[in-house]
Amino acid sequence: MPTERVEINPEIFKWARISAGYTLEEAAKRITTKLPEIENNQLKPTLKQVYDAAKIYRRPVQIFNFKEPPEDIRFPHDFRRDKTGTEKKLSRYNIFEIRKAHFRRKIALELSDYADEAPVNFIETAKLSDDVDSLASRIRKVVGIGIEEQINWRETQHKDALNNWIEAFESIGILVSQTAYHSSSTPDRYKHEIGGFCIKESLLPVIVVNREDYPNRRIFSLFHELTHLLLNTEAICDFRDYRDYNSHDQNVEVFCNKVAASVLVPKEIFVEEHHFQEKDFDDEWTDDELIQLSHKYSVSSFVILSRIFALGKISVDHFWKRWEELEIAFREFEEKNKKLLEAKKRKLKEDQKIFMGEPQPQKIIRTTSREFQRRVLLAYYHEDITSSDLASYIGVDIKHLDKIEKRVFEGKV
C-alpha cells in the first residue's frame, strides 16, 4: 500500500526550518533524507514527517496547514562579535529561548486581567551621551534598592543578591527569566554563547539571563540588558570588551557595561572604601582585595577592577594587565570546578547511583519569570484557563503545581 502524503505548502517547511536555525543538511538527518525534495515541491511529505518537523522545529503541527508562512517573532539585534568584529551566528538552542520569551510575554499580557494590577508601563529612557554615574543613580531610584540593602546581602555565592535583584526588576514591570537549556540535548558550547538578551516593549519588557553563568555575572547581565532597554534597543549580548576594533555596536556594549558596573558599585560609595583611599595611582591591587570587594557588592572581580579603572586609580596598561591575569585565574578556577564535578559523577557511578543533575521540571520552574507564573496561577485559580493550559504555558506537568506555588508565594522551590 503506497504511503499517504499530505498537501502542504513547501514554503512552510522551509520557513519552519530556517526560523528554527537548522541547515537543510541538519534537518534532513532528523526528519527525512527527502527533505530537499519536499522543500523544492518535488515531493509531498508524509503525515509522520509533518509531525516530526513540528517536534524538531518546535512549532504546533497546525502551522503546517497554513497557506503562507506566518509572520515570525521579532529578534533582538545581535551585539555579539568575535575578536575581528565579525557577527556571530546564533544557535537554534538560543533561537528557541528567544521564541519562548516572546510566547510567555504574550501569555502574560493576555492574562493581565487576572493579576492584582495592570502591567507597569516602563518609560525611563537614556542616551549614549548621558553621564554614566548619573544614569546609574537614576536606575537605582527606578529599581528601588538602596546600597545599604545591597551590601547587607553579603552572601559569597551571590544567590540571594540575584534573587533580590530579579524580584526588584519584576516589581517595576519587567519579566525576568533565565535560560533553561535541557542538559541532555544542548551541547555545552552553546550554553555560553550568550550572556543575555532583552525584548523592548512599553508594557512588560523582557530580560533573560543565562543560568549557566555564575550568579554575580547574571546580576551584571540584568543591569546591562536594562541599560539596553533604556537606550530603546533590543539586544543579544555576551558583554565582552574587545580592544582591537571599534564600531557603534561595540560602543553601545561598552556603555552598557560601564552603566551596569556603576549601578552595582556606586561611585560615591566606592571612593570611600579604605582600599580605594589608601591606594596611589597604579598601585597593585591584590586578588584578595578584589575578591573582598566583589563579595561586598555581589559582583565579580572584573566589575571591581573596571570601577577602579573608571575612577582613575590605574592606567590603561595596568588595567588590561590585571584583566588578563584575572581571566587566566578564572579559567583555572573553571577547569578545577570541571574536574571536581567529573570526579563527583565518577563517585556517584561507583556507588551505583544515577547522576541526573537538577530535575528538568524544577529547572523550568526556577528559570521562568515568577511574575509570569503568578499571572498564570491567578488565571488558573479563576478557572479561566485549564490545568492543561497551565502546564503548557509554564512547560511542566500539573503534578508540579505545588512547586510553582512555593516559588510564587514563598520565593523558593
Protein backbone atom coordinates (compact mmCIF):
# COMPACT_ATOMS: atom_id res chain seq x y z
CA MET A 1 0.00 0.00 0.00
CA PRO A 2 1.52 3.35 -1.04
CA THR A 3 2.48 5.83 1.69
CA GLU A 4 -0.14 8.55 2.13
CA ARG A 5 1.24 12.03 1.59
CA VAL A 6 -0.30 15.35 2.55
CA GLU A 7 -0.80 18.60 0.65
CA ILE A 8 1.33 21.28 2.33
CA ASN A 9 2.87 24.49 1.04
CA PRO A 10 6.60 23.62 0.80
CA GLU A 11 7.43 27.20 1.78
CA ILE A 12 6.01 26.41 5.23
CA PHE A 13 8.51 23.57 5.63
CA LYS A 14 11.38 25.78 4.54
CA TRP A 15 10.30 28.72 6.75
CA ALA A 16 9.93 26.46 9.80
CA ARG A 17 13.40 25.03 9.31
CA ILE A 18 15.17 28.34 8.73
CA SER A 19 13.36 30.08 11.60
CA ALA A 20 14.46 27.24 13.91
CA GLY A 21 18.12 27.70 12.94
CA TYR A 22 18.60 24.39 11.11
CA THR A 23 20.57 23.96 7.91
CA LEU A 24 18.97 21.77 5.27
CA GLU A 25 21.56 19.05 5.92
CA GLU A 26 20.98 19.08 9.70
CA ALA A 27 17.21 18.89 9.36
CA ALA A 28 17.35 16.17 6.70
CA LYS A 29 19.26 13.91 9.08
CA ARG A 30 16.48 14.20 11.67
CA ILE A 31 13.34 14.25 9.51
CA THR A 32 13.98 12.60 6.15
CA THR A 33 16.72 12.49 3.53
CA LYS A 34 13.99 13.56 1.08
CA LEU A 35 13.64 16.95 2.77
CA PRO A 36 15.31 18.85 -0.13
CA GLU A 37 12.69 17.42 -2.49
CA ILE A 38 9.88 18.40 -0.08
CA GLU A 39 11.12 21.97 0.22
CA ASN A 40 11.51 22.22 -3.58
CA ASN A 41 7.94 20.97 -4.12
CA GLN A 42 9.15 17.81 -5.84
CA LEU A 43 7.68 15.53 -3.18
CA LYS A 44 4.82 15.78 -0.67
CA PRO A 45 5.63 14.90 2.97
CA THR A 46 4.04 12.03 4.87
CA LEU A 47 1.95 12.76 7.96
CA LYS A 48 4.73 11.33 10.13
CA GLN A 49 7.24 13.69 8.54
CA VAL A 50 4.97 16.64 9.29
CA TYR A 51 4.71 15.61 12.94
CA ASP A 52 8.48 15.05 13.11
CA ALA A 53 9.10 18.51 11.64
CA ALA A 54 6.71 20.11 14.14
CA LYS A 55 8.54 18.43 17.03
CA ILE A 56 12.05 19.26 15.81
CA TYR A 57 11.26 22.86 14.79
CA ARG A 58 9.17 23.33 17.96
CA ARG A 59 6.08 24.53 16.13
CA PRO A 60 2.43 23.47 16.56
CA VAL A 61 1.56 20.92 13.92
CA GLN A 62 -1.39 23.07 12.79
CA ILE A 63 1.01 25.68 11.46
CA PHE A 64 1.89 23.36 8.56
CA ASN A 65 -1.70 23.73 7.28
CA PHE A 66 -1.25 27.48 6.76
CA LYS A 67 -1.40 28.70 3.18
CA GLU A 68 1.56 31.03 3.69
CA PRO A 69 4.38 31.24 6.26
CA PRO A 70 3.19 33.34 9.21
CA GLU A 71 4.97 36.43 10.43
CA ASP A 72 7.71 35.31 12.80
CA ILE A 73 8.77 36.83 16.11
CA ARG A 74 10.98 39.91 16.20
CA PHE A 75 14.57 39.02 17.08
CA PRO A 76 16.73 41.43 19.10
CA HIS A 77 19.76 42.96 17.46
CA ASP A 78 22.81 40.75 17.94
CA PHE A 79 25.63 42.77 19.52
CA ARG A 80 27.95 39.76 19.83
CA ARG A 81 31.15 39.85 17.76
CA ASP A 82 34.33 37.82 17.57
CA LYS A 83 37.72 39.47 18.06
CA THR A 84 37.77 40.73 14.46
CA GLY A 85 34.37 42.36 14.78
CA THR A 86 32.51 39.68 12.79
CA GLU A 87 28.95 38.93 13.90
CA LYS A 88 28.46 35.53 15.47
CA LYS A 89 25.82 33.02 14.39
CA LEU A 90 23.03 32.35 16.88
CA SER A 91 22.39 28.66 17.50
CA ARG A 92 18.93 27.12 17.35
CA TYR A 93 19.09 26.50 21.10
CA ASN A 94 19.07 30.22 21.80
CA ILE A 95 16.64 30.90 18.97
CA PHE A 96 14.22 28.69 20.89
CA GLU A 97 14.97 30.62 24.11
CA ILE A 98 14.08 33.92 22.40
CA ARG A 99 10.94 32.43 20.88
CA LYS A 100 9.93 31.09 24.30
CA ALA A 101 10.42 34.53 25.89
CA HIS A 102 8.12 36.15 23.31
CA PHE A 103 5.50 33.46 23.88
CA ARG A 104 5.49 33.90 27.65
CA ARG A 105 5.24 37.67 27.40
CA LYS A 106 2.25 37.31 25.08
CA ILE A 107 0.55 34.97 27.54
CA ALA A 108 1.35 37.27 30.49
CA LEU A 109 -0.31 40.19 28.70
CA GLU A 110 -3.37 38.11 27.84
CA LEU A 111 -3.68 37.10 31.50
CA SER A 112 -3.24 40.63 32.88
CA ASP A 113 -6.89 40.85 33.89
CA TYR A 114 -6.26 38.16 36.49
CA ALA A 115 -3.27 39.84 38.11
CA ASP A 116 -3.66 42.20 41.05
CA GLU A 117 -2.65 45.13 38.91
CA ALA A 118 -2.20 46.08 35.28
CA PRO A 119 1.24 45.75 33.67
CA VAL A 120 3.58 48.58 34.59
CA ASN A 121 4.40 50.99 31.77
CA PHE A 122 8.20 51.17 31.79
CA ILE A 123 9.01 54.66 30.46
CA GLU A 124 12.52 55.56 31.73
CA THR A 125 14.90 56.40 28.86
CA ALA A 126 18.60 57.10 28.32
CA LYS A 127 21.07 58.05 25.58
CA LEU A 128 24.74 57.28 24.90
CA SER A 129 25.77 60.83 25.72
CA ASP A 130 24.46 60.52 29.30
CA ASP A 131 26.94 60.65 32.15
CA VAL A 132 27.45 57.06 33.28
CA ASP A 133 27.34 57.66 37.03
CA SER A 134 24.33 59.99 36.81
CA LEU A 135 22.42 57.45 34.75
CA ALA A 136 23.38 54.74 37.23
CA SER A 137 21.89 56.81 40.06
CA ARG A 138 18.64 57.20 38.11
CA ILE A 139 18.50 53.45 37.54
CA ARG A 140 18.95 52.78 41.26
CA LYS A 141 15.98 55.01 42.01
CA VAL A 142 13.84 53.22 39.42
CA VAL A 143 14.76 49.74 40.66
CA GLY A 144 14.31 50.80 44.28
CA ILE A 145 17.20 49.01 46.01
CA GLY A 146 19.48 51.16 48.17
CA ILE A 147 23.20 50.49 48.51
CA GLU A 148 22.82 49.70 52.23
CA GLU A 149 20.33 46.94 51.45
CA GLN A 150 22.59 45.57 48.71
CA ILE A 151 25.67 45.46 50.95
CA ASN A 152 23.73 43.73 53.72
CA TRP A 153 23.10 40.71 51.46
CA ARG A 154 26.78 39.66 51.71
CA GLU A 155 26.40 36.03 50.63
CA THR A 156 29.54 34.71 48.96
CA GLN A 157 27.70 32.74 46.25
CA HIS A 158 25.56 35.83 45.49
CA LYS A 159 22.40 33.75 45.02
CA ASP A 160 20.39 35.84 47.49
CA ALA A 161 21.52 39.01 45.75
CA LEU A 162 20.45 37.62 42.36
CA ASN A 163 17.00 36.67 43.65
CA ASN A 164 16.55 40.08 45.28
CA TRP A 165 17.54 41.94 42.13
CA ILE A 166 15.20 39.81 39.99
CA GLU A 167 12.33 40.48 42.38
CA ALA A 168 13.07 44.23 42.20
CA PHE A 169 13.12 44.17 38.39
CA GLU A 170 9.80 42.35 38.21
CA SER A 171 8.25 44.77 40.70
CA ILE A 172 8.74 47.59 38.17
CA GLY A 173 7.14 45.64 35.32
CA ILE A 174 9.99 43.71 33.68
CA LEU A 175 9.59 39.98 33.10
CA VAL A 176 12.86 38.32 34.09
CA SER A 177 13.64 34.74 33.09
CA GLN A 178 16.75 32.58 32.88
CA THR A 179 17.74 30.19 30.12
CA ALA A 180 16.75 26.59 30.83
CA TYR A 181 18.77 24.51 28.40
CA HIS A 182 17.99 20.81 28.52
CA SER A 183 21.35 19.37 29.60
CA SER A 184 20.90 16.11 27.70
CA SER A 185 20.27 17.77 24.34
CA THR A 186 22.18 21.06 24.38
CA PRO A 187 25.94 20.87 23.70
CA ASP A 188 27.99 22.73 26.30
CA ARG A 189 29.47 25.09 23.70
CA TYR A 190 26.02 26.56 23.04
CA LYS A 191 25.17 27.12 26.69
CA HIS A 192 27.62 30.02 26.91
CA GLU A 193 27.19 31.66 23.50
CA ILE A 194 25.09 34.48 25.00
CA GLY A 195 25.13 36.26 28.34
CA GLY A 196 21.58 37.53 28.00
CA PHE A 197 19.05 39.29 25.81
CA CYS A 198 16.20 41.75 26.13
CA ILE A 199 12.91 42.40 24.35
CA LYS A 200 11.85 46.05 24.26
CA GLU A 201 8.18 46.81 24.91
CA SER A 202 6.39 49.62 26.73
CA LEU A 203 4.37 47.01 28.64
CA LEU A 204 6.17 44.05 30.19
CA PRO A 205 9.58 44.28 28.54
CA VAL A 206 11.62 41.10 28.92
CA ILE A 207 15.13 40.38 30.19
CA VAL A 208 16.57 36.86 30.00
CA VAL A 209 19.92 35.98 31.60
CA ASN A 210 22.00 32.86 31.17
CA ARG A 211 21.53 30.45 34.07
CA GLU A 212 24.77 28.67 33.12
CA ASP A 213 26.65 31.78 34.30
CA TYR A 214 27.63 32.40 37.90
CA PRO A 215 25.07 34.45 39.91
CA ASN A 216 27.24 37.58 40.03
CA ARG A 217 27.55 37.53 36.24
CA ARG A 218 23.78 37.15 35.92
CA ILE A 219 23.34 40.17 38.19
CA PHE A 220 25.61 42.17 35.89
CA SER A 221 23.63 40.88 32.89
CA LEU A 222 20.40 42.21 34.40
CA PHE A 223 21.71 45.77 34.51
CA HIS A 224 23.48 45.53 31.16
CA GLU A 225 20.22 44.50 29.49
CA LEU A 226 18.24 47.08 31.46
CA THR A 227 20.53 49.76 30.05
CA HIS A 228 19.74 48.48 26.55
CA LEU A 229 16.04 48.87 27.31
CA LEU A 230 16.63 52.44 28.50
CA LEU A 231 18.52 53.12 25.26
CA ASN A 232 15.46 51.86 23.37
CA THR A 233 17.37 48.91 21.92
CA GLU A 234 16.70 45.18 21.89
CA ALA A 235 19.87 43.18 22.26
CA ILE A 236 21.57 39.80 22.33
CA CYS A 237 24.82 40.21 24.26
CA ASP A 238 27.92 38.49 25.62
CA PHE A 239 29.31 41.59 27.42
CA ARG A 240 32.83 41.36 26.04
CA ASP A 241 35.06 44.40 25.69
CA TYR A 242 37.41 43.97 22.74
CA ARG A 243 40.29 46.36 22.32
CA ASP A 244 41.20 45.68 18.71
CA TYR A 245 38.19 47.05 16.87
CA ASN A 246 35.69 49.86 17.19
CA SER A 247 32.11 50.15 15.96
CA HIS A 248 28.83 51.69 17.02
CA ASP A 249 27.63 48.35 18.37
CA GLN A 250 30.78 47.93 20.42
CA ASN A 251 30.46 51.46 21.78
CA VAL A 252 26.92 50.65 22.89
CA GLU A 253 28.11 47.47 24.61
CA VAL A 254 30.93 49.28 26.39
CA PHE A 255 28.46 51.94 27.55
CA CYS A 256 26.04 49.30 28.89
CA ASN A 257 28.91 47.58 30.70
CA LYS A 258 30.00 50.84 32.31
CA VAL A 259 26.50 51.70 33.43
CA ALA A 260 25.90 48.22 34.88
CA ALA A 261 29.17 48.40 36.82
CA SER A 262 28.34 51.89 38.11
CA VAL A 263 24.89 50.87 39.31
CA LEU A 264 26.27 47.91 41.22
CA VAL A 265 29.33 49.73 42.59
CA PRO A 266 28.26 53.38 43.00
CA LYS A 267 30.99 55.98 42.69
CA GLU A 268 30.09 57.94 45.83
CA ILE A 269 30.29 54.79 47.96
CA PHE A 270 33.26 53.10 46.33
CA VAL A 271 35.61 56.09 46.58
CA GLU A 272 35.14 55.99 50.37
CA GLU A 273 36.37 52.37 50.62
CA HIS A 274 39.59 52.24 52.63
CA HIS A 275 41.17 50.13 49.87
CA PHE A 276 40.44 52.91 47.40
CA GLN A 277 41.55 55.68 49.76
CA GLU A 278 44.89 54.04 50.59
CA LYS A 279 45.95 53.30 47.01
CA ASP A 280 48.07 55.59 44.90
CA PHE A 281 47.78 55.66 41.11
CA ASP A 282 48.87 52.32 39.63
CA ASP A 283 49.42 50.65 42.99
CA GLU A 284 49.00 46.88 42.79
CA TRP A 285 45.53 45.56 43.66
CA THR A 286 45.81 42.05 45.04
CA ASP A 287 43.41 39.23 44.23
CA ASP A 288 42.31 39.16 47.88
CA GLU A 289 41.40 42.85 47.79
CA LEU A 290 39.39 42.44 44.60
CA ILE A 291 37.62 39.35 45.95
CA GLN A 292 36.80 41.04 49.26
CA LEU A 293 35.17 43.95 47.44
CA SER A 294 33.41 41.66 44.97
CA HIS A 295 31.72 39.80 47.84
CA LYS A 296 30.70 43.06 49.46
CA TYR A 297 28.91 44.35 46.35
CA SER A 298 27.81 40.93 44.97
CA VAL A 299 29.74 41.40 41.73
CA SER A 300 32.73 39.79 40.07
CA SER A 301 36.35 40.86 40.48
CA PHE A 302 36.18 42.06 36.86
CA VAL A 303 33.50 44.60 37.81
CA ILE A 304 35.56 45.85 40.75
CA LEU A 305 38.60 46.22 38.52
CA SER A 306 36.59 48.12 35.91
CA ARG A 307 35.35 50.55 38.58
CA ILE A 308 38.92 51.11 39.82
CA PHE A 309 39.90 51.97 36.25
CA ALA A 310 36.83 54.15 35.60
CA LEU A 311 37.54 56.14 38.76
CA GLY A 312 41.14 56.85 37.78
CA LYS A 313 43.20 54.67 40.10
CA ILE A 314 45.10 52.66 37.47
CA SER A 315 46.45 53.23 33.97
CA VAL A 316 45.12 51.59 30.80
CA ASP A 317 48.13 49.28 30.55
CA HIS A 318 47.90 48.22 34.18
CA PHE A 319 44.15 47.67 33.85
CA TRP A 320 44.49 45.29 30.90
CA LYS A 321 47.42 43.51 32.54
CA ARG A 322 45.31 42.77 35.65
CA TRP A 323 42.29 41.94 33.48
CA GLU A 324 44.27 39.27 31.62
CA GLU A 325 45.58 37.89 34.92
CA LEU A 326 42.01 37.64 36.20
CA GLU A 327 40.95 35.82 33.03
CA ILE A 328 43.75 33.27 33.48
CA ALA A 329 42.81 32.76 37.14
CA PHE A 330 39.13 32.39 36.19
CA ARG A 331 39.91 29.78 33.52
CA GLU A 332 41.97 27.82 36.05
CA PHE A 333 39.09 28.05 38.53
CA GLU A 334 36.66 26.83 35.88
CA GLU A 335 38.91 23.91 34.98
CA LYS A 336 39.25 22.95 38.65
CA ASN A 337 35.48 23.06 39.09
CA LYS A 338 35.02 20.93 35.98
CA LYS A 339 37.39 18.29 37.32
CA LEU A 340 35.64 18.29 40.71
CA LEU A 341 32.26 17.78 39.01
CA GLU A 342 33.63 14.95 36.87
CA ALA A 343 35.10 13.31 39.97
CA LYS A 344 31.72 13.62 41.71
CA LYS A 345 29.99 11.96 38.75
CA ARG A 346 32.50 9.10 38.78
CA LYS A 347 31.99 8.54 42.51
CA LEU A 348 28.23 8.51 42.09
CA LYS A 349 28.55 5.91 39.34
CA GLU A 350 30.82 3.83 41.54
CA ASP A 351 28.15 3.97 44.24
CA GLN A 352 25.70 2.77 41.56
CA LYS A 353 23.66 5.95 41.76
CA ILE A 354 22.36 7.83 38.74
CA PHE A 355 23.61 11.41 38.32
CA MET A 356 20.74 13.37 36.83
CA GLY A 357 21.55 16.90 37.97
CA GLU A 358 18.59 19.19 38.68
CA PRO A 359 15.26 17.66 37.54
CA GLN A 360 14.07 19.36 34.35
CA PRO A 361 10.62 20.36 35.72
CA GLN A 362 12.22 22.06 38.71
CA LYS A 363 14.75 23.80 36.44
CA ILE A 364 11.92 25.20 34.28
CA ILE A 365 10.04 26.42 37.35
CA ARG A 366 13.16 28.10 38.77
CA THR A 367 14.12 29.78 35.49
CA THR A 368 10.69 31.02 34.36
CA SER A 369 9.66 34.52 35.38
CA ARG A 370 7.97 34.45 38.79
CA GLU A 371 5.64 37.25 37.71
CA PHE A 372 4.66 35.20 34.65
CA GLN A 373 3.95 32.19 36.88
CA ARG A 374 1.87 34.39 39.19
CA ARG A 375 -0.34 35.57 36.34
CA VAL A 376 -0.82 32.02 35.06
CA LEU A 377 -1.69 30.76 38.55
CA LEU A 378 -4.25 33.52 39.12
CA ALA A 379 -5.96 32.75 35.81
CA TYR A 380 -6.00 29.05 36.76
CA TYR A 381 -7.49 29.81 40.18
CA HIS A 382 -10.20 31.90 38.48
CA GLU A 383 -10.91 28.87 36.24
CA ASP A 384 -10.27 30.92 33.12
CA ILE A 385 -7.57 28.53 31.93
CA THR A 386 -7.45 24.77 32.31
CA SER A 387 -4.84 22.63 34.02
CA SER A 388 -3.68 21.67 30.54
CA ASP A 389 -3.22 25.37 29.67
CA LEU A 390 -1.26 25.94 32.87
CA ALA A 391 1.05 23.02 32.13
CA SER A 392 1.54 24.18 28.53
CA TYR A 393 2.26 27.82 29.44
CA ILE A 394 4.83 27.07 32.14
CA GLY A 395 6.18 23.93 30.49
CA VAL A 396 5.75 21.40 33.31
CA ASP A 397 3.13 18.85 34.29
CA ILE A 398 0.28 19.88 36.62
CA LYS A 399 1.65 17.48 39.26
CA HIS A 400 4.36 20.09 39.92
CA LEU A 401 1.77 22.75 40.84
CA ASP A 402 2.89 22.75 44.48
CA LYS A 403 6.44 23.69 43.43
CA ILE A 404 5.13 26.54 41.28
CA GLU A 405 3.04 27.83 44.18
CA LYS A 406 6.01 27.65 46.55
CA ARG A 407 8.16 29.69 44.20
CA VAL A 408 5.48 32.31 43.52
CA PHE A 409 4.20 32.77 47.06
CA GLU A 410 7.17 31.73 49.21
CA GLY A 411 10.04 32.68 46.89
CA LYS A 412 11.52 29.19 46.81
CA VAL A 413 11.17 25.73 45.28
